[in-house]
Amino acid sequence: MAVSAQDHKQRKMLNLAVKRDLQRWLLGRIFGVVLLSVLLAVLILFIYSWRELGSSFYEAHFTIRQVSDLLWLAMATGGAISLLGGALLALFLPQKIAGPLYRIERELERVRQGDLTVQIKLRRGDPLPEIAAGLNGTLAELRLRVQQLQEACRQVNAGGEQPAAEHLAQLCRELQQLKTK
């Protein structure tokens, strides 16, 4: 099946929401970790900046307050940058995994519809090549068994040398080797 240039171009267009559930899950985890680390840093800063100092250290306390105010701004900026970085990571990281998962899902749908000629092909550098190779091996074995059963059925229908009962018994043995429950 030839892929037209238009189809190829549409597939190459950036799609930021390939696996929305995966993106939401990842985004939630990243935001949670960043938020927790920012809150912990702010709590530590708060504890150190509001510590009571004696009256003789009023000037030191004033200096600490000024530094504390600057640190609050630095913490807020760092937190915002971390959250933005986490959001970008959550948007683009699933792209690396979602593309191969989408292709595998699409090919398995063809198998579900009865097409055992499917070969799952991933691009070079895509993650999950072991899963694709494992599925291809499973499909090859299933294809071989189905071909053997089809050949035995053809022989039964053609009325070859062996009696039909013997062919049917052989088919039953081969079918029993396949686990369905």
C-alpha atoms as a PDB file:
ATOM      1  CA  MET A   1       0.000   0.000   0.000  1.00  0.00           C
ATOM      2  CA  ALA A   2       1.627   3.249  -1.144  1.00  0.00           C
ATOM      3  CA  VAL A   3       1.572   6.256   1.126  1.00  0.00           C
ATOM      4  CA  SER A   4       0.892   9.523  -0.657  1.00  0.00           C
ATOM      5  CA  ALA A   5       2.978  12.614   0.016  1.00  0.00           C
ATOM      6  CA  GLN A   6      -0.061  14.321   1.570  1.00  0.00           C
ATOM      7  CA  ASP A   7      -0.624  11.421   4.002  1.00  0.00           C
ATOM      8  CA  HIS A   8       3.062  11.423   4.913  1.00  0.00           C
ATOM      9  CA  LYS A   9       2.995  15.178   5.545  1.00  0.00           C
ATOM     10  CA  GLN A  10      -0.116  14.913   7.735  1.00  0.00           C
ATOM     11  CA  ARG A  11       1.482  12.129   9.797  1.00  0.00           C
ATOM     12  CA  LYS A  12       4.600  14.234  10.311  1.00  0.00           C
ATOM     13  CA  MET A  13       2.688  17.261  11.645  1.00  0.00           C
ATOM     14  CA  LEU A  14       3.234  17.905  15.333  1.00  0.00           C
ATOM     15  CA  ASN A  15       0.409  16.527  17.410  1.00  0.00           C
ATOM     16  CA  LEU A  16       0.799  17.550  21.041  1.00  0.00           C
ATOM     17  CA  ALA A  17      -2.062  15.397  22.298  1.00  0.00           C
ATOM     18  CA  VAL A  18      -1.447  11.885  21.035  1.00  0.00           C
ATOM     19  CA  LYS A  19      -2.059  10.046  24.298  1.00  0.00           C
ATOM     20  CA  ARG A  20      -3.967  12.517  26.442  1.00  0.00           C
ATOM     21  CA  ASP A  21      -4.343  10.188  29.427  1.00  0.00           C
ATOM     22  CA  LEU A  22      -0.604   9.474  29.482  1.00  0.00           C
ATOM     23  CA  GLN A  23       0.142  13.189  29.188  1.00  0.00           C
ATOM     24  CA  ARG A  24      -2.248  14.067  32.009  1.00  0.00           C
ATOM     25  CA  TRP A  25      -0.800  11.374  34.240  1.00  0.00           C
ATOM     26  CA  LEU A  26       2.779  12.475  33.539  1.00  0.00           C
ATOM     27  CA  LEU A  27       1.908  16.161  33.882  1.00  0.00           C
ATOM     28  CA  GLY A  28       0.242  15.511  37.243  1.00  0.00           C
ATOM     29  CA  ARG A  29       3.283  13.632  38.543  1.00  0.00           C
ATOM     30  CA  ILE A  30       5.744  16.272  37.350  1.00  0.00           C
ATOM     31  CA  PHE A  31       3.665  19.140  38.739  1.00  0.00           C
ATOM     32  CA  GLY A  32       3.294  17.275  42.020  1.00  0.00           C
ATOM     33  CA  VAL A  33       7.032  16.734  42.402  1.00  0.00           C
ATOM     34  CA  VAL A  34       7.904  20.305  41.409  1.00  0.00           C
ATOM     35  CA  LEU A  35       5.209  21.771  43.657  1.00  0.00           C
ATOM     36  CA  LEU A  36       6.285  19.613  46.590  1.00  0.00           C
ATOM     37  CA  SER A  37       9.938  20.614  46.168  1.00  0.00           C
ATOM     38  CA  VAL A  38       9.048  24.312  45.859  1.00  0.00           C
ATOM     39  CA  LEU A  39       6.812  24.146  48.931  1.00  0.00           C
ATOM     40  CA  LEU A  40       9.521  22.370  50.904  1.00  0.00           C
ATOM     41  CA  ALA A  41      12.092  24.994  49.885  1.00  0.00           C
ATOM     42  CA  VAL A  42       9.670  27.805  50.788  1.00  0.00           C
ATOM     43  CA  LEU A  43       8.970  26.186  54.166  1.00  0.00           C
ATOM     44  CA  ILE A  44      12.684  25.946  54.923  1.00  0.00           C
ATOM     45  CA  LEU A  45      13.157  29.554  53.846  1.00  0.00           C
ATOM     46  CA  PHE A  46      10.204  30.633  55.984  1.00  0.00           C
ATOM     47  CA  ILE A  47      11.559  28.866  59.060  1.00  0.00           C
ATOM     48  CA  TYR A  48      14.980  30.461  58.699  1.00  0.00           C
ATOM     49  CA  SER A  49      13.751  33.940  57.789  1.00  0.00           C
ATOM     50  CA  TRP A  50      11.203  34.299  60.612  1.00  0.00           C
ATOM     51  CA  ARG A  51      13.444  33.035  63.354  1.00  0.00           C
ATOM     52  CA  GLU A  52      13.373  35.362  66.356  1.00  0.00           C
ATOM     53  CA  LEU A  53      16.531  37.322  66.884  1.00  0.00           C
ATOM     54  CA  GLY A  54      17.335  39.257  70.004  1.00  0.00           C
ATOM     55  CA  SER A  55      16.905  43.032  70.079  1.00  0.00           C
ATOM     56  CA  SER A  56      20.671  43.535  69.824  1.00  0.00           C
ATOM     57  CA  PHE A  57      20.556  41.789  66.471  1.00  0.00           C
ATOM     58  CA  TYR A  58      17.850  44.021  65.002  1.00  0.00           C
ATOM     59  CA  GLU A  59      20.086  45.164  62.175  1.00  0.00           C
ATOM     60  CA  ALA A  60      21.014  41.580  61.299  1.00  0.00           C
ATOM     61  CA  HIS A  61      17.326  40.707  61.321  1.00  0.00           C
ATOM     62  CA  PHE A  62      16.609  43.601  58.943  1.00  0.00           C
ATOM     63  CA  THR A  63      19.343  42.383  56.557  1.00  0.00           C
ATOM     64  CA  ILE A  64      18.014  38.846  56.743  1.00  0.00           C
ATOM     65  CA  ARG A  65      14.534  40.150  55.920  1.00  0.00           C
ATOM     66  CA  GLN A  66      15.863  41.896  52.811  1.00  0.00           C
ATOM     67  CA  VAL A  67      17.677  38.763  51.701  1.00  0.00           C
ATOM     68  CA  SER A  68      14.559  36.745  52.509  1.00  0.00           C
ATOM     69  CA  ASP A  69      12.430  38.972  50.291  1.00  0.00           C
ATOM     70  CA  LEU A  70      14.902  38.480  47.441  1.00  0.00           C
ATOM     71  CA  LEU A  71      14.933  34.743  48.061  1.00  0.00           C
ATOM     72  CA  TRP A  72      11.126  34.612  47.900  1.00  0.00           C
ATOM     73  CA  LEU A  73      11.309  36.142  44.429  1.00  0.00           C
ATOM     74  CA  ALA A  74      14.054  33.714  43.428  1.00  0.00           C
ATOM     75  CA  MET A  75      12.039  30.783  44.785  1.00  0.00           C
ATOM     76  CA  ALA A  76       8.889  31.904  42.970  1.00  0.00           C
ATOM     77  CA  THR A  77      10.807  32.376  39.712  1.00  0.00           C
ATOM     78  CA  GLY A  78      12.543  29.013  40.111  1.00  0.00           C
ATOM     79  CA  GLY A  79       9.229  27.338  40.860  1.00  0.00           C
ATOM     80  CA  ALA A  80       7.558  28.910  37.832  1.00  0.00           C
ATOM     81  CA  ILE A  81      10.437  27.886  35.576  1.00  0.00           C
ATOM     82  CA  SER A  82      10.327  24.354  37.013  1.00  0.00           C
ATOM     83  CA  LEU A  83       6.580  24.119  36.440  1.00  0.00           C
ATOM     84  CA  LEU A  84       6.962  25.395  32.878  1.00  0.00           C
ATOM     85  CA  GLY A  85       9.780  22.919  32.239  1.00  0.00           C
ATOM     86  CA  GLY A  86       7.667  20.127  33.705  1.00  0.00           C
ATOM     87  CA  ALA A  87       4.731  21.091  31.495  1.00  0.00           C
ATOM     88  CA  LEU A  88       6.928  21.044  28.386  1.00  0.00           C
ATOM     89  CA  LEU A  89       8.380  17.707  29.447  1.00  0.00           C
ATOM     90  CA  ALA A  90       4.892  16.280  29.954  1.00  0.00           C
ATOM     91  CA  LEU A  91       3.856  17.511  26.505  1.00  0.00           C
ATOM     92  CA  PHE A  92       6.828  16.237  24.533  1.00  0.00           C
ATOM     93  CA  LEU A  93       8.019  13.148  26.442  1.00  0.00           C
ATOM     94  CA  PRO A  94       4.893  11.081  25.701  1.00  0.00           C
ATOM     95  CA  GLN A  95       5.395  11.820  21.990  1.00  0.00           C
ATOM     96  CA  LYS A  96       8.404   9.507  22.008  1.00  0.00           C
ATOM     97  CA  ILE A  97       6.329   6.665  23.470  1.00  0.00           C
ATOM     98  CA  ALA A  98       2.879   7.496  22.101  1.00  0.00           C
ATOM     99  CA  GLY A  99       3.797   7.169  18.425  1.00  0.00           C
ATOM    100  CA  PRO A 100       5.033   3.574  18.692  1.00  0.00           C
ATOM    101  CA  LEU A 101       2.138   2.665  21.011  1.00  0.00           C
ATOM    102  CA  TYR A 102      -0.320   4.084  18.504  1.00  0.00           C
ATOM    103  CA  ARG A 103       1.236   2.073  15.654  1.00  0.00           C
ATOM    104  CA  ILE A 104       1.193  -1.115  17.752  1.00  0.00           C
ATOM    105  CA  GLU A 105      -2.459  -0.539  18.725  1.00  0.00           C
ATOM    106  CA  ARG A 106      -3.437   0.089  15.104  1.00  0.00           C
ATOM    107  CA  GLU A 107      -1.714  -3.088  13.890  1.00  0.00           C
ATOM    108  CA  LEU A 108      -3.210  -5.171  16.709  1.00  0.00           C
ATOM    109  CA  GLU A 109      -6.651  -3.912  15.684  1.00  0.00           C
ATOM    110  CA  ARG A 110      -5.979  -5.375  12.225  1.00  0.00           C
ATOM    111  CA  VAL A 111      -5.024  -8.678  13.883  1.00  0.00           C
ATOM    112  CA  ARG A 112      -8.234  -8.593  15.921  1.00  0.00           C
ATOM    113  CA  GLN A 113     -10.144  -8.265  12.663  1.00  0.00           C
ATOM    114  CA  GLY A 114      -8.465 -11.436  11.385  1.00  0.00           C
ATOM    115  CA  ASP A 115      -5.442 -10.157   9.412  1.00  0.00           C
ATOM    116  CA  LEU A 116      -2.560 -12.378  10.531  1.00  0.00           C
ATOM    117  CA  THR A 117      -0.204 -10.970   7.868  1.00  0.00           C
ATOM    118  CA  VAL A 118       0.496  -7.932  10.047  1.00  0.00           C
ATOM    119  CA  GLN A 119       4.135  -7.054  10.737  1.00  0.00           C
ATOM    120  CA  ILE A 120       4.586  -4.379  13.388  1.00  0.00           C
ATOM    121  CA  LYS A 121       7.250  -2.000  12.126  1.00  0.00           C
ATOM    122  CA  LEU A 122       8.624   0.849  14.202  1.00  0.00           C
ATOM    123  CA  ARG A 123      10.912   3.614  13.029  1.00  0.00           C
ATOM    124  CA  ARG A 124      14.596   3.399  13.789  1.00  0.00           C
ATOM    125  CA  GLY A 125      15.231   4.895  17.217  1.00  0.00           C
ATOM    126  CA  ASP A 126      11.656   4.421  18.448  1.00  0.00           C
ATOM    127  CA  PRO A 127      11.320   3.001  21.948  1.00  0.00           C
ATOM    128  CA  LEU A 128       9.651  -0.364  22.581  1.00  0.00           C
ATOM    129  CA  PRO A 129      11.397  -2.408  19.860  1.00  0.00           C
ATOM    130  CA  GLU A 130      11.366  -5.447  22.170  1.00  0.00           C
ATOM    131  CA  ILE A 131       7.574  -5.305  22.443  1.00  0.00           C
ATOM    132  CA  ALA A 132       7.207  -5.039  18.671  1.00  0.00           C
ATOM    133  CA  ALA A 133       9.643  -7.933  18.155  1.00  0.00           C
ATOM    134  CA  GLY A 134       7.794 -10.057  20.721  1.00  0.00           C
ATOM    135  CA  LEU A 135       4.448  -9.356  19.093  1.00  0.00           C
ATOM    136  CA  ASN A 136       5.874 -10.102  15.649  1.00  0.00           C
ATOM    137  CA  GLY A 137       7.224 -13.425  16.934  1.00  0.00           C
ATOM    138  CA  THR A 138       3.858 -14.288  18.469  1.00  0.00           C
ATOM    139  CA  LEU A 139       2.058 -13.377  15.258  1.00  0.00           C
ATOM    140  CA  ALA A 140       4.503 -15.459  13.194  1.00  0.00           C
ATOM    141  CA  GLU A 141       3.874 -18.495  15.402  1.00  0.00           C
ATOM    142  CA  LEU A 142       0.105 -17.969  15.266  1.00  0.00           C
ATOM    143  CA  ARG A 143       0.286 -17.522  11.491  1.00  0.00           C
ATOM    144  CA  LEU A 144       2.240 -20.793  11.161  1.00  0.00           C
ATOM    145  CA  ARG A 145      -0.275 -22.730  13.266  1.00  0.00           C
ATOM    146  CA  VAL A 146      -3.220 -21.330  11.339  1.00  0.00           C
ATOM    147  CA  GLN A 147      -1.500 -22.200   8.042  1.00  0.00           C
ATOM    148  CA  GLN A 148      -0.968 -25.760   9.264  1.00  0.00           C
ATOM    149  CA  LEU A 149      -4.630 -26.012  10.216  1.00  0.00           C
ATOM    150  CA  GLN A 150      -5.696 -24.550   6.874  1.00  0.00           C
ATOM    151  CA  GLU A 151      -3.522 -27.070   5.043  1.00  0.00           C
ATOM    152  CA  ALA A 152      -5.006 -29.936   7.051  1.00  0.00           C
ATOM    153  CA  CYS A 153      -8.507 -28.648   6.221  1.00  0.00           C
ATOM    154  CA  ARG A 154      -7.604 -28.537   2.521  1.00  0.00           C
ATOM    155  CA  GLN A 155      -6.400 -32.128   2.691  1.00  0.00           C
ATOM    156  CA  VAL A 156      -9.618 -33.221   4.412  1.00  0.00           C
ATOM    157  CA  ASN A 157     -11.696 -31.407   1.802  1.00  0.00           C
ATOM    158  CA  ALA A 158      -9.628 -32.829  -1.048  1.00  0.00           C
ATOM    159  CA  GLY A 159     -10.026 -36.357   0.290  1.00  0.00           C
ATOM    160  CA  GLY A 160      -6.314 -37.169   0.220  1.00  0.00           C
ATOM    161  CA  GLU A 161      -4.731 -40.490   1.044  1.00  0.00           C
ATOM    162  CA  GLN A 162      -5.604 -40.518   4.729  1.00  0.00           C
ATOM    163  CA  PRO A 163      -9.187 -41.064   5.812  1.00  0.00           C
ATOM    164  CA  ALA A 164     -11.137 -37.953   6.815  1.00  0.00           C
ATOM    165  CA  ALA A 165     -11.462 -39.138  10.427  1.00  0.00           C
ATOM    166  CA  GLU A 166      -7.683 -39.282  10.789  1.00  0.00           C
ATOM    167  CA  HIS A 167      -7.338 -35.742   9.392  1.00  0.00           C
ATOM    168  CA  LEU A 168     -10.028 -34.494  11.732  1.00  0.00           C
ATOM    169  CA  ALA A 169      -8.268 -36.120  14.698  1.00  0.00           C
ATOM    170  CA  GLN A 170      -5.032 -34.397  13.673  1.00  0.00           C
ATOM    171  CA  LEU A 171      -6.868 -31.056  13.410  1.00  0.00           C
ATOM    172  CA  CYS A 172      -8.343 -31.590  16.864  1.00  0.00           C
ATOM    173  CA  ARG A 173      -4.888 -32.307  18.343  1.00  0.00           C
ATOM    174  CA  GLU A 174      -3.475 -29.143  16.792  1.00  0.00           C
ATOM    175  CA  LEU A 175      -6.422 -27.087  17.978  1.00  0.00           C
ATOM    176  CA  GLN A 176      -6.042 -28.434  21.514  1.00  0.00           C
ATOM    177  CA  GLN A 177      -2.463 -27.148  21.577  1.00  0.00           C
ATOM    178  CA  LEU A 178      -3.803 -23.605  21.278  1.00  0.00           C
ATOM    179  CA  LYS A 179      -4.849 -22.241  24.651  1.00  0.00           C
ATOM    180  CA  THR A 180      -8.037 -20.220  24.655  1.00  0.00           C
ATOM    181  CA  LYS A 181      -8.948 -20.136  28.343  1.00  0.00           C
END
